[in-house]
Amino acid sequence: MELWISSLAGCAIGAVAGHLARRAVPRLLGAASRELPFAWPWMEATGALLGVTVALWGGTGGDRLAAAGLALLVLLACGTDYEAKLLPFAVTSGGALFGLAVAPVAWRPLLDWPLHRALVSILGLEPGPLSGLALAGLGAASGWLAIASVRSVFSHLATLEVMGGGDVQLAMALGAFLGPVGALVAIALSFVLGVVHGVACAAVLRQPHAPFGPPLAMAALVARLAGDSVLGGIVALRRALLALPVPLLAGLYVALLLVAVVLILRVRARARDYEEWIEADYREVEARLDGVAGAEESTRDSLSN
């Protein structure tokens, strides 16, 4: 009975949070029009689903408060990135500050990771509020450094910007909730989700480029609520690969490397086209936020030429 009550309460609170987030998106993006984005009830339904998830698996007390804050960050990041392919500084910085602020009362989930416990021991800290704050700070730094490094390397190889600065800031904010190991696990998972998400956006929505914020945010939520299972899956996959015969394993690595090289060369060859598509897409977004009529039609014309 208590489980049903908790689930219904989480659903109701999440739906309200989703509606408030939908109303906040235009203001966070600085849109000239206050018309609500997305068709009802997408944001409300997503908020309700996140609310039930937090109610069932978010823990209690400070742990649930941290899970709720992370869920709200996921909701706002998805809303703003899907609406305008932008992650406002208010969302990312506010999320990072909340993650750091709540860490002293939500330190137990951070110590569920064995490597976090080892790190706390190396730092000479006792399990408690101070260790939670230290892990949150290291998580924010790890998230920022990991995505910034990936962005720099792949942008250099592809000769165009493969992700925006907002994604780096979002990784920092998410890392404050996850700690360093959780942040790295979430980022690894986000690349898998990002590929699936990108293919879906290209095939279904015909978008010239897909936002990376939603896959990154959802991967962080999965890492927060089911991190042991994700890490266990990664370890099991690694063991399965290492158990393969050496020639087969070497061939697999060579094949993956060749696929990566072919993709990079293809992107480099069409970098100019991709840049034009992305610029046209952002012009349409900017025009829509400024309330300029006919922006979508002009963008379609520029993309077709």
C-alpha atoms as a PDB file:
ATOM      1  CA  MET A   1       0.000   0.000   0.000  1.00  0.00           C
ATOM      2  CA  GLU A   2       2.798   2.381   0.929  1.00  0.00           C
ATOM      3  CA  LEU A   3       4.497   1.594  -2.379  1.00  0.00           C
ATOM      4  CA  TRP A   4       1.383   2.587  -4.311  1.00  0.00           C
ATOM      5  CA  ILE A   5       0.993   5.810  -2.342  1.00  0.00           C
ATOM      6  CA  SER A   6       4.652   6.696  -2.880  1.00  0.00           C
ATOM      7  CA  SER A   7       4.385   5.934  -6.599  1.00  0.00           C
ATOM      8  CA  LEU A   8       1.220   8.003  -7.034  1.00  0.00           C
ATOM      9  CA  ALA A   9       2.732  10.893  -5.091  1.00  0.00           C
ATOM     10  CA  GLY A  10       5.891  10.747  -7.198  1.00  0.00           C
ATOM     11  CA  CYS A  11       3.811  10.622 -10.377  1.00  0.00           C
ATOM     12  CA  ALA A  12       1.756  13.669  -9.360  1.00  0.00           C
ATOM     13  CA  ILE A  13       4.769  15.709  -8.217  1.00  0.00           C
ATOM     14  CA  GLY A  14       6.687  14.765 -11.354  1.00  0.00           C
ATOM     15  CA  ALA A  15       3.815  15.768 -13.630  1.00  0.00           C
ATOM     16  CA  VAL A  16       3.594  19.178 -11.941  1.00  0.00           C
ATOM     17  CA  ALA A  17       7.388  19.550 -12.214  1.00  0.00           C
ATOM     18  CA  GLY A  18       7.165  18.651 -15.903  1.00  0.00           C
ATOM     19  CA  HIS A  19       4.540  21.332 -16.520  1.00  0.00           C
ATOM     20  CA  LEU A  20       6.549  23.941 -14.610  1.00  0.00           C
ATOM     21  CA  ALA A  21       9.662  22.937 -16.563  1.00  0.00           C
ATOM     22  CA  ARG A  22       7.741  23.337 -19.824  1.00  0.00           C
ATOM     23  CA  ARG A  23       6.719  26.843 -18.783  1.00  0.00           C
ATOM     24  CA  ALA A  24      10.300  27.631 -17.755  1.00  0.00           C
ATOM     25  CA  VAL A  25      11.931  26.547 -21.038  1.00  0.00           C
ATOM     26  CA  PRO A  26      11.101  29.733 -23.026  1.00  0.00           C
ATOM     27  CA  ARG A  27      12.370  31.922 -20.180  1.00  0.00           C
ATOM     28  CA  LEU A  28      15.551  29.910 -19.755  1.00  0.00           C
ATOM     29  CA  LEU A  29      16.200  30.243 -23.489  1.00  0.00           C
ATOM     30  CA  GLY A  30      15.357  33.960 -23.525  1.00  0.00           C
ATOM     31  CA  ALA A  31      12.659  33.427 -26.162  1.00  0.00           C
ATOM     32  CA  ALA A  32      10.705  36.485 -27.273  1.00  0.00           C
ATOM     33  CA  SER A  33       7.494  34.434 -27.261  1.00  0.00           C
ATOM     34  CA  ARG A  34       6.210  32.817 -24.080  1.00  0.00           C
ATOM     35  CA  GLU A  35       4.301  30.189 -26.054  1.00  0.00           C
ATOM     36  CA  LEU A  36       4.808  26.838 -24.370  1.00  0.00           C
ATOM     37  CA  PRO A  37       7.057  24.427 -26.295  1.00  0.00           C
ATOM     38  CA  PHE A  38       6.205  20.808 -27.084  1.00  0.00           C
ATOM     39  CA  ALA A  39       2.750  19.337 -27.411  1.00  0.00           C
ATOM     40  CA  TRP A  40       0.945  18.431 -24.237  1.00  0.00           C
ATOM     41  CA  PRO A  41       1.601  16.110 -22.391  1.00  0.00           C
ATOM     42  CA  TRP A  42       5.202  15.283 -23.366  1.00  0.00           C
ATOM     43  CA  MET A  43       6.965  17.206 -20.607  1.00  0.00           C
ATOM     44  CA  GLU A  44       4.289  16.350 -18.042  1.00  0.00           C
ATOM     45  CA  ALA A  45       4.439  12.632 -18.894  1.00  0.00           C
ATOM     46  CA  THR A  46       8.241  12.646 -18.778  1.00  0.00           C
ATOM     47  CA  GLY A  47       8.147  14.409 -15.421  1.00  0.00           C
ATOM     48  CA  ALA A  48       5.624  11.871 -14.094  1.00  0.00           C
ATOM     49  CA  LEU A  49       7.846   8.982 -15.216  1.00  0.00           C
ATOM     50  CA  LEU A  50      10.886  10.553 -13.578  1.00  0.00           C
ATOM     51  CA  GLY A  51       8.846  11.221 -10.414  1.00  0.00           C
ATOM     52  CA  VAL A  52       7.816   7.565 -10.132  1.00  0.00           C
ATOM     53  CA  THR A  53      11.422   6.515 -10.759  1.00  0.00           C
ATOM     54  CA  VAL A  54      12.706   8.750  -7.966  1.00  0.00           C
ATOM     55  CA  ALA A  55       9.942   7.584  -5.617  1.00  0.00           C
ATOM     56  CA  LEU A  56      10.754   3.907  -6.165  1.00  0.00           C
ATOM     57  CA  TRP A  57      14.544   3.935  -6.483  1.00  0.00           C
ATOM     58  CA  GLY A  58      15.720   7.333  -5.244  1.00  0.00           C
ATOM     59  CA  GLY A  59      16.295   6.303  -1.634  1.00  0.00           C
ATOM     60  CA  THR A  60      15.133   8.323   1.354  1.00  0.00           C
ATOM     61  CA  GLY A  61      15.927  11.667   2.957  1.00  0.00           C
ATOM     62  CA  GLY A  62      18.912  13.437   1.459  1.00  0.00           C
ATOM     63  CA  ASP A  63      19.455  10.648  -1.068  1.00  0.00           C
ATOM     64  CA  ARG A  64      15.979  11.176  -2.507  1.00  0.00           C
ATOM     65  CA  LEU A  65      16.503  14.941  -2.541  1.00  0.00           C
ATOM     66  CA  ALA A  66      19.645  14.467  -4.644  1.00  0.00           C
ATOM     67  CA  ALA A  67      17.844  12.037  -6.979  1.00  0.00           C
ATOM     68  CA  ALA A  68      14.978  14.523  -7.380  1.00  0.00           C
ATOM     69  CA  GLY A  69      17.425  17.327  -8.144  1.00  0.00           C
ATOM     70  CA  LEU A  70      19.153  15.179 -10.747  1.00  0.00           C
ATOM     71  CA  ALA A  71      15.786  14.256 -12.302  1.00  0.00           C
ATOM     72  CA  LEU A  72      14.845  17.945 -12.531  1.00  0.00           C
ATOM     73  CA  LEU A  73      18.193  18.728 -14.154  1.00  0.00           C
ATOM     74  CA  VAL A  74      17.552  15.935 -16.676  1.00  0.00           C
ATOM     75  CA  LEU A  75      14.085  17.353 -17.402  1.00  0.00           C
ATOM     76  CA  LEU A  76      15.324  20.912 -17.953  1.00  0.00           C
ATOM     77  CA  ALA A  77      18.343  19.817 -19.994  1.00  0.00           C
ATOM     78  CA  CYS A  78      16.157  17.694 -22.289  1.00  0.00           C
ATOM     79  CA  GLY A  79      13.559  20.455 -22.597  1.00  0.00           C
ATOM     80  CA  THR A  80      15.973  23.228 -23.558  1.00  0.00           C
ATOM     81  CA  ASP A  81      18.210  21.058 -25.757  1.00  0.00           C
ATOM     82  CA  TYR A  82      15.325  19.551 -27.707  1.00  0.00           C
ATOM     83  CA  GLU A  83      13.642  22.935 -28.095  1.00  0.00           C
ATOM     84  CA  ALA A  84      16.668  24.948 -29.219  1.00  0.00           C
ATOM     85  CA  LYS A  85      19.762  22.691 -29.105  1.00  0.00           C
ATOM     86  CA  LEU A  86      21.020  24.921 -26.302  1.00  0.00           C
ATOM     87  CA  LEU A  87      21.881  24.209 -22.672  1.00  0.00           C
ATOM     88  CA  PRO A  88      21.506  27.510 -20.779  1.00  0.00           C
ATOM     89  CA  PHE A  89      24.172  28.415 -18.260  1.00  0.00           C
ATOM     90  CA  ALA A  90      21.462  28.840 -15.625  1.00  0.00           C
ATOM     91  CA  VAL A  91      20.540  25.160 -15.994  1.00  0.00           C
ATOM     92  CA  THR A  92      24.065  23.735 -16.001  1.00  0.00           C
ATOM     93  CA  SER A  93      25.543  26.008 -13.325  1.00  0.00           C
ATOM     94  CA  GLY A  94      22.435  25.724 -11.153  1.00  0.00           C
ATOM     95  CA  GLY A  95      22.568  21.947 -11.432  1.00  0.00           C
ATOM     96  CA  ALA A  96      26.258  21.870 -10.494  1.00  0.00           C
ATOM     97  CA  LEU A  97      25.715  24.100  -7.465  1.00  0.00           C
ATOM     98  CA  PHE A  98      22.750  22.028  -6.280  1.00  0.00           C
ATOM     99  CA  GLY A  99      24.712  18.804  -6.723  1.00  0.00           C
ATOM    100  CA  LEU A 100      27.557  20.173  -4.612  1.00  0.00           C
ATOM    101  CA  ALA A 101      25.178  21.617  -2.003  1.00  0.00           C
ATOM    102  CA  VAL A 102      23.234  18.388  -1.503  1.00  0.00           C
ATOM    103  CA  ALA A 103      26.302  16.096  -1.503  1.00  0.00           C
ATOM    104  CA  PRO A 104      26.974  16.409   2.271  1.00  0.00           C
ATOM    105  CA  VAL A 105      23.510  14.965   3.029  1.00  0.00           C
ATOM    106  CA  ALA A 106      23.461  12.529   0.087  1.00  0.00           C
ATOM    107  CA  TRP A 107      26.887  10.954   0.415  1.00  0.00           C
ATOM    108  CA  ARG A 108      25.770   7.331   0.873  1.00  0.00           C
ATOM    109  CA  PRO A 109      24.902   6.623  -2.796  1.00  0.00           C
ATOM    110  CA  LEU A 110      28.287   8.008  -3.812  1.00  0.00           C
ATOM    111  CA  LEU A 111      29.996   5.433  -1.595  1.00  0.00           C
ATOM    112  CA  ASP A 112      28.080   2.582  -3.224  1.00  0.00           C
ATOM    113  CA  TRP A 113      30.866   2.606  -5.821  1.00  0.00           C
ATOM    114  CA  PRO A 114      33.828   0.530  -4.512  1.00  0.00           C
ATOM    115  CA  LEU A 115      36.298   2.797  -6.290  1.00  0.00           C
ATOM    116  CA  HIS A 116      34.788   5.801  -4.500  1.00  0.00           C
ATOM    117  CA  ARG A 117      35.325   4.102  -1.146  1.00  0.00           C
ATOM    118  CA  ALA A 118      38.928   3.417  -2.109  1.00  0.00           C
ATOM    119  CA  LEU A 119      39.381   7.031  -3.197  1.00  0.00           C
ATOM    120  CA  VAL A 120      37.955   8.327   0.093  1.00  0.00           C
ATOM    121  CA  SER A 121      40.380   6.082   1.948  1.00  0.00           C
ATOM    122  CA  ILE A 122      43.303   7.356  -0.116  1.00  0.00           C
ATOM    123  CA  LEU A 123      42.283  10.940   0.679  1.00  0.00           C
ATOM    124  CA  GLY A 124      42.253  10.085   4.380  1.00  0.00           C
ATOM    125  CA  LEU A 125      38.564  10.934   4.817  1.00  0.00           C
ATOM    126  CA  GLU A 126      35.912   9.150   6.829  1.00  0.00           C
ATOM    127  CA  PRO A 127      32.586   8.238   5.206  1.00  0.00           C
ATOM    128  CA  GLY A 128      30.318  11.213   5.822  1.00  0.00           C
ATOM    129  CA  PRO A 129      29.382  14.697   4.639  1.00  0.00           C
ATOM    130  CA  LEU A 130      32.950  15.805   3.904  1.00  0.00           C
ATOM    131  CA  SER A 131      33.696  12.753   1.791  1.00  0.00           C
ATOM    132  CA  GLY A 132      30.426  13.327  -0.091  1.00  0.00           C
ATOM    133  CA  LEU A 133      31.417  16.912  -0.848  1.00  0.00           C
ATOM    134  CA  ALA A 134      34.891  15.816  -1.969  1.00  0.00           C
ATOM    135  CA  LEU A 135      33.475  13.149  -4.298  1.00  0.00           C
ATOM    136  CA  ALA A 136      30.944  15.625  -5.729  1.00  0.00           C
ATOM    137  CA  GLY A 137      33.728  18.108  -6.475  1.00  0.00           C
ATOM    138  CA  LEU A 138      35.893  15.429  -8.078  1.00  0.00           C
ATOM    139  CA  GLY A 139      32.882  14.216 -10.048  1.00  0.00           C
ATOM    140  CA  ALA A 140      32.210  17.692 -11.420  1.00  0.00           C
ATOM    141  CA  ALA A 141      35.861  18.056 -12.419  1.00  0.00           C
ATOM    142  CA  SER A 142      35.948  14.570 -13.982  1.00  0.00           C
ATOM    143  CA  GLY A 143      32.782  15.155 -15.996  1.00  0.00           C
ATOM    144  CA  TRP A 144      34.044  18.483 -17.301  1.00  0.00           C
ATOM    145  CA  LEU A 145      37.519  17.159 -18.155  1.00  0.00           C
ATOM    146  CA  ALA A 146      36.266  13.986 -19.863  1.00  0.00           C
ATOM    147  CA  ILE A 147      33.763  15.685 -22.192  1.00  0.00           C
ATOM    148  CA  ALA A 148      36.081  18.641 -22.843  1.00  0.00           C
ATOM    149  CA  SER A 149      38.825  16.213 -23.881  1.00  0.00           C
ATOM    150  CA  VAL A 150      36.509  14.195 -26.142  1.00  0.00           C
ATOM    151  CA  ARG A 151      35.188  17.395 -27.686  1.00  0.00           C
ATOM    152  CA  SER A 152      38.673  18.717 -28.353  1.00  0.00           C
ATOM    153  CA  VAL A 153      40.050  15.483 -29.853  1.00  0.00           C
ATOM    154  CA  PHE A 154      37.091  14.666 -32.092  1.00  0.00           C
ATOM    155  CA  SER A 155      36.635  18.271 -33.201  1.00  0.00           C
ATOM    156  CA  HIS A 156      40.279  18.285 -34.289  1.00  0.00           C
ATOM    157  CA  LEU A 157      39.949  14.956 -36.115  1.00  0.00           C
ATOM    158  CA  ALA A 158      36.650  15.856 -37.794  1.00  0.00           C
ATOM    159  CA  THR A 159      37.676  19.501 -38.468  1.00  0.00           C
ATOM    160  CA  LEU A 160      34.358  20.794 -37.073  1.00  0.00           C
ATOM    161  CA  GLU A 161      32.754  21.227 -33.659  1.00  0.00           C
ATOM    162  CA  VAL A 162      31.233  17.865 -32.719  1.00  0.00           C
ATOM    163  CA  MET A 163      29.478  19.145 -29.586  1.00  0.00           C
ATOM    164  CA  GLY A 164      28.835  22.453 -27.866  1.00  0.00           C
ATOM    165  CA  GLY A 165      30.248  24.038 -24.746  1.00  0.00           C
ATOM    166  CA  GLY A 166      26.922  23.486 -23.004  1.00  0.00           C
ATOM    167  CA  ASP A 167      27.497  19.727 -23.145  1.00  0.00           C
ATOM    168  CA  VAL A 168      30.778  20.182 -21.265  1.00  0.00           C
ATOM    169  CA  GLN A 169      29.029  22.255 -18.594  1.00  0.00           C
ATOM    170  CA  LEU A 170      26.208  19.711 -18.350  1.00  0.00           C
ATOM    171  CA  ALA A 171      28.737  16.904 -17.816  1.00  0.00           C
ATOM    172  CA  MET A 172      30.223  18.952 -14.981  1.00  0.00           C
ATOM    173  CA  ALA A 173      26.790  19.410 -13.371  1.00  0.00           C
ATOM    174  CA  LEU A 174      25.908  15.726 -13.714  1.00  0.00           C
ATOM    175  CA  GLY A 175      29.281  14.725 -12.292  1.00  0.00           C
ATOM    176  CA  ALA A 176      28.487  16.646  -9.114  1.00  0.00           C
ATOM    177  CA  PHE A 177      25.637  14.193  -8.488  1.00  0.00           C
ATOM    178  CA  LEU A 178      27.582  11.070  -9.493  1.00  0.00           C
ATOM    179  CA  GLY A 179      31.155  11.411  -8.293  1.00  0.00           C
ATOM    180  CA  PRO A 180      34.170  10.727 -10.545  1.00  0.00           C
ATOM    181  CA  VAL A 181      33.512   7.033 -11.265  1.00  0.00           C
ATOM    182  CA  GLY A 182      29.783   7.570 -11.785  1.00  0.00           C
ATOM    183  CA  ALA A 183      30.500  10.472 -14.126  1.00  0.00           C
ATOM    184  CA  LEU A 184      32.842   8.390 -16.292  1.00  0.00           C
ATOM    185  CA  VAL A 185      30.401   5.463 -16.406  1.00  0.00           C
ATOM    186  CA  ALA A 186      27.589   7.841 -17.416  1.00  0.00           C
ATOM    187  CA  ILE A 187      29.729   9.405 -20.150  1.00  0.00           C
ATOM    188  CA  ALA A 188      30.668   5.968 -21.543  1.00  0.00           C
ATOM    189  CA  LEU A 189      26.983   4.985 -21.591  1.00  0.00           C
ATOM    190  CA  SER A 190      26.004   8.327 -23.140  1.00  0.00           C
ATOM    191  CA  PHE A 191      28.133   7.640 -26.229  1.00  0.00           C
ATOM    192  CA  VAL A 192      26.153   4.440 -26.881  1.00  0.00           C
ATOM    193  CA  LEU A 193      22.844   6.211 -26.282  1.00  0.00           C
ATOM    194  CA  GLY A 194      24.075   9.144 -28.371  1.00  0.00           C
ATOM    195  CA  VAL A 195      24.675   6.981 -31.438  1.00  0.00           C
ATOM    196  CA  VAL A 196      21.191   5.434 -31.199  1.00  0.00           C
ATOM    197  CA  HIS A 197      19.662   8.845 -30.526  1.00  0.00           C
ATOM    198  CA  GLY A 198      21.491  10.448 -33.439  1.00  0.00           C
ATOM    199  CA  VAL A 199      20.418   7.746 -35.888  1.00  0.00           C
ATOM    200  CA  ALA A 200      16.805   8.056 -34.682  1.00  0.00           C
ATOM    201  CA  CYS A 201      16.805  11.848 -35.043  1.00  0.00           C
ATOM    202  CA  ALA A 202      18.258  11.618 -38.546  1.00  0.00           C
ATOM    203  CA  ALA A 203      15.870   8.880 -39.688  1.00  0.00           C
ATOM    204  CA  VAL A 204      12.635  10.023 -38.002  1.00  0.00           C
ATOM    205  CA  LEU A 205      12.940  13.767 -37.458  1.00  0.00           C
ATOM    206  CA  ARG A 206      15.226  14.549 -40.416  1.00  0.00           C
ATOM    207  CA  GLN A 207      17.361  16.779 -38.191  1.00  0.00           C
ATOM    208  CA  PRO A 208      20.777  17.860 -39.524  1.00  0.00           C
ATOM    209  CA  HIS A 209      22.310  17.203 -36.119  1.00  0.00           C
ATOM    210  CA  ALA A 210      21.020  15.727 -32.878  1.00  0.00           C
ATOM    211  CA  PRO A 211      21.502  17.303 -29.428  1.00  0.00           C
ATOM    212  CA  PHE A 212      23.848  15.382 -27.132  1.00  0.00           C
ATOM    213  CA  GLY A 213      22.415  16.769 -23.882  1.00  0.00           C
ATOM    214  CA  PRO A 214      19.443  14.344 -23.608  1.00  0.00           C
ATOM    215  CA  PRO A 215      21.501  11.122 -24.040  1.00  0.00           C
ATOM    216  CA  LEU A 216      24.092  12.462 -21.595  1.00  0.00           C
ATOM    217  CA  ALA A 217      21.453  13.431 -19.027  1.00  0.00           C
ATOM    218  CA  MET A 218      19.553  10.141 -19.305  1.00  0.00           C
ATOM    219  CA  ALA A 219      22.803   8.161 -19.023  1.00  0.00           C
ATOM    220  CA  ALA A 220      23.583  10.060 -15.818  1.00  0.00           C
ATOM    221  CA  LEU A 221      20.190   9.174 -14.364  1.00  0.00           C
ATOM    222  CA  VAL A 222      20.735   5.502 -15.216  1.00  0.00           C
ATOM    223  CA  ALA A 223      24.189   5.624 -13.619  1.00  0.00           C
ATOM    224  CA  ARG A 224      22.726   7.216 -10.473  1.00  0.00           C
ATOM    225  CA  LEU A 225      19.918   4.687 -10.056  1.00  0.00           C
ATOM    226  CA  ALA A 226      21.489   1.528 -11.513  1.00  0.00           C
ATOM    227  CA  GLY A 227      25.197   2.255 -11.584  1.00  0.00           C
ATOM    228  CA  ASP A 228      26.258  -1.127 -10.194  1.00  0.00           C
ATOM    229  CA  SER A 229      24.399  -2.950 -12.966  1.00  0.00           C
ATOM    230  CA  VAL A 230      25.901  -0.701 -15.649  1.00  0.00           C
ATOM    231  CA  LEU A 231      29.413  -1.100 -14.275  1.00  0.00           C
ATOM    232  CA  GLY A 232      28.851  -4.833 -13.900  1.00  0.00           C
ATOM    233  CA  GLY A 233      27.808  -5.019 -17.536  1.00  0.00           C
ATOM    234  CA  ILE A 234      30.930  -3.133 -18.618  1.00  0.00           C
ATOM    235  CA  VAL A 235      33.148  -5.465 -16.569  1.00  0.00           C
ATOM    236  CA  ALA A 236      31.361  -8.556 -17.923  1.00  0.00           C
ATOM    237  CA  LEU A 237      31.761  -7.306 -21.502  1.00  0.00           C
ATOM    238  CA  ARG A 238      35.458  -6.687 -20.904  1.00  0.00           C
ATOM    239  CA  ARG A 239      35.913 -10.202 -19.506  1.00  0.00           C
ATOM    240  CA  ALA A 240      34.012 -11.718 -22.430  1.00  0.00           C
ATOM    241  CA  LEU A 241      36.218  -9.852 -24.903  1.00  0.00           C
ATOM    242  CA  LEU A 242      39.417 -10.869 -23.150  1.00  0.00           C
ATOM    243  CA  ALA A 243      38.248 -14.495 -23.184  1.00  0.00           C
ATOM    244  CA  LEU A 244      38.137 -14.498 -26.988  1.00  0.00           C
ATOM    245  CA  PRO A 245      41.019 -16.071 -28.936  1.00  0.00           C
ATOM    246  CA  VAL A 246      43.784 -13.551 -29.510  1.00  0.00           C
ATOM    247  CA  PRO A 247      43.460 -13.495 -33.336  1.00  0.00           C
ATOM    248  CA  LEU A 248      39.690 -12.947 -33.108  1.00  0.00           C
ATOM    249  CA  LEU A 249      40.105 -10.214 -30.486  1.00  0.00           C
ATOM    250  CA  ALA A 250      42.796  -8.496 -32.557  1.00  0.00           C
ATOM    251  CA  GLY A 251      40.585  -8.705 -35.650  1.00  0.00           C
ATOM    252  CA  LEU A 252      37.685  -7.169 -33.739  1.00  0.00           C
ATOM    253  CA  TYR A 253      39.828  -4.259 -32.562  1.00  0.00           C
ATOM    254  CA  VAL A 254      41.169  -3.710 -36.097  1.00  0.00           C
ATOM    255  CA  ALA A 255      37.634  -3.754 -37.524  1.00  0.00           C
ATOM    256  CA  LEU A 256      36.424  -1.202 -34.965  1.00  0.00           C
ATOM    257  CA  LEU A 257      39.440   0.974 -35.675  1.00  0.00           C
ATOM    258  CA  LEU A 258      38.778   0.824 -39.420  1.00  0.00           C
ATOM    259  CA  VAL A 259      35.119   1.766 -38.894  1.00  0.00           C
ATOM    260  CA  ALA A 260      36.182   4.735 -36.759  1.00  0.00           C
ATOM    261  CA  VAL A 261      38.732   5.851 -39.359  1.00  0.00           C
ATOM    262  CA  VAL A 262      36.207   5.570 -42.208  1.00  0.00           C
ATOM    263  CA  LEU A 263      33.632   7.578 -40.264  1.00  0.00           C
ATOM    264  CA  ILE A 264      36.134  10.285 -39.394  1.00  0.00           C
ATOM    265  CA  LEU A 265      37.352  10.520 -42.992  1.00  0.00           C
ATOM    266  CA  ARG A 266      33.764  10.736 -44.215  1.00  0.00           C
ATOM    267  CA  VAL A 267      32.973  13.518 -41.776  1.00  0.00           C
ATOM    268  CA  ARG A 268      36.150  15.375 -42.732  1.00  0.00           C
ATOM    269  CA  ALA A 269      35.240  15.108 -46.414  1.00  0.00           C
ATOM    270  CA  ARG A 270      31.797  16.602 -45.785  1.00  0.00           C
ATOM    271  CA  ALA A 271      32.777  18.955 -42.961  1.00  0.00           C
ATOM    272  CA  ARG A 272      31.838  22.015 -44.994  1.00  0.00           C
ATOM    273  CA  ASP A 273      28.359  20.615 -45.734  1.00  0.00           C
ATOM    274  CA  TYR A 274      27.817  19.644 -42.101  1.00  0.00           C
ATOM    275  CA  GLU A 275      28.843  23.114 -40.943  1.00  0.00           C
ATOM    276  CA  GLU A 276      26.381  24.722 -43.347  1.00  0.00           C
ATOM    277  CA  TRP A 277      23.577  22.415 -42.184  1.00  0.00           C
ATOM    278  CA  ILE A 278      24.317  23.089 -38.527  1.00  0.00           C
ATOM    279  CA  GLU A 279      24.574  26.851 -39.075  1.00  0.00           C
ATOM    280  CA  ALA A 280      21.257  26.841 -40.947  1.00  0.00           C
ATOM    281  CA  ASP A 281      19.680  24.831 -38.145  1.00  0.00           C
ATOM    282  CA  TYR A 282      20.887  27.301 -35.516  1.00  0.00           C
ATOM    283  CA  ARG A 283      19.709  30.235 -37.621  1.00  0.00           C
ATOM    284  CA  GLU A 284      16.255  28.711 -37.622  1.00  0.00           C
ATOM    285  CA  VAL A 285      16.445  28.218 -33.851  1.00  0.00           C
ATOM    286  CA  GLU A 286      17.603  31.793 -33.284  1.00  0.00           C
ATOM    287  CA  ALA A 287      14.877  33.163 -35.527  1.00  0.00           C
ATOM    288  CA  ARG A 288      12.246  31.103 -33.722  1.00  0.00           C
ATOM    289  CA  LEU A 289      13.436  32.285 -30.321  1.00  0.00           C
ATOM    290  CA  ASP A 290      13.371  35.869 -31.590  1.00  0.00           C
ATOM    291  CA  GLY A 291       9.828  35.355 -32.850  1.00  0.00           C
ATOM    292  CA  VAL A 292      10.683  35.790 -36.537  1.00  0.00           C
ATOM    293  CA  ALA A 293       8.002  34.287 -38.788  1.00  0.00           C
ATOM    294  CA  GLY A 294       8.905  32.067 -41.694  1.00  0.00           C
ATOM    295  CA  ALA A 295      12.186  30.907 -40.190  1.00  0.00           C
ATOM    296  CA  GLU A 296      11.415  27.239 -40.705  1.00  0.00           C
ATOM    297  CA  GLU A 297      10.644  27.678 -44.390  1.00  0.00           C
ATOM    298  CA  SER A 298      13.818  29.647 -45.036  1.00  0.00           C
ATOM    299  CA  THR A 299      15.869  27.007 -43.278  1.00  0.00           C
ATOM    300  CA  ARG A 300      14.351  24.234 -45.373  1.00  0.00           C
ATOM    301  CA  ASP A 301      15.259  26.194 -48.506  1.00  0.00           C
ATOM    302  CA  SER A 302      18.871  26.640 -47.372  1.00  0.00           C
ATOM    303  CA  LEU A 303      19.190  22.974 -46.453  1.00  0.00           C
ATOM    304  CA  SER A 304      17.858  21.839 -49.807  1.00  0.00           C
ATOM    305  CA  ASN A 305      20.270  24.003 -51.826  1.00  0.00           C
END
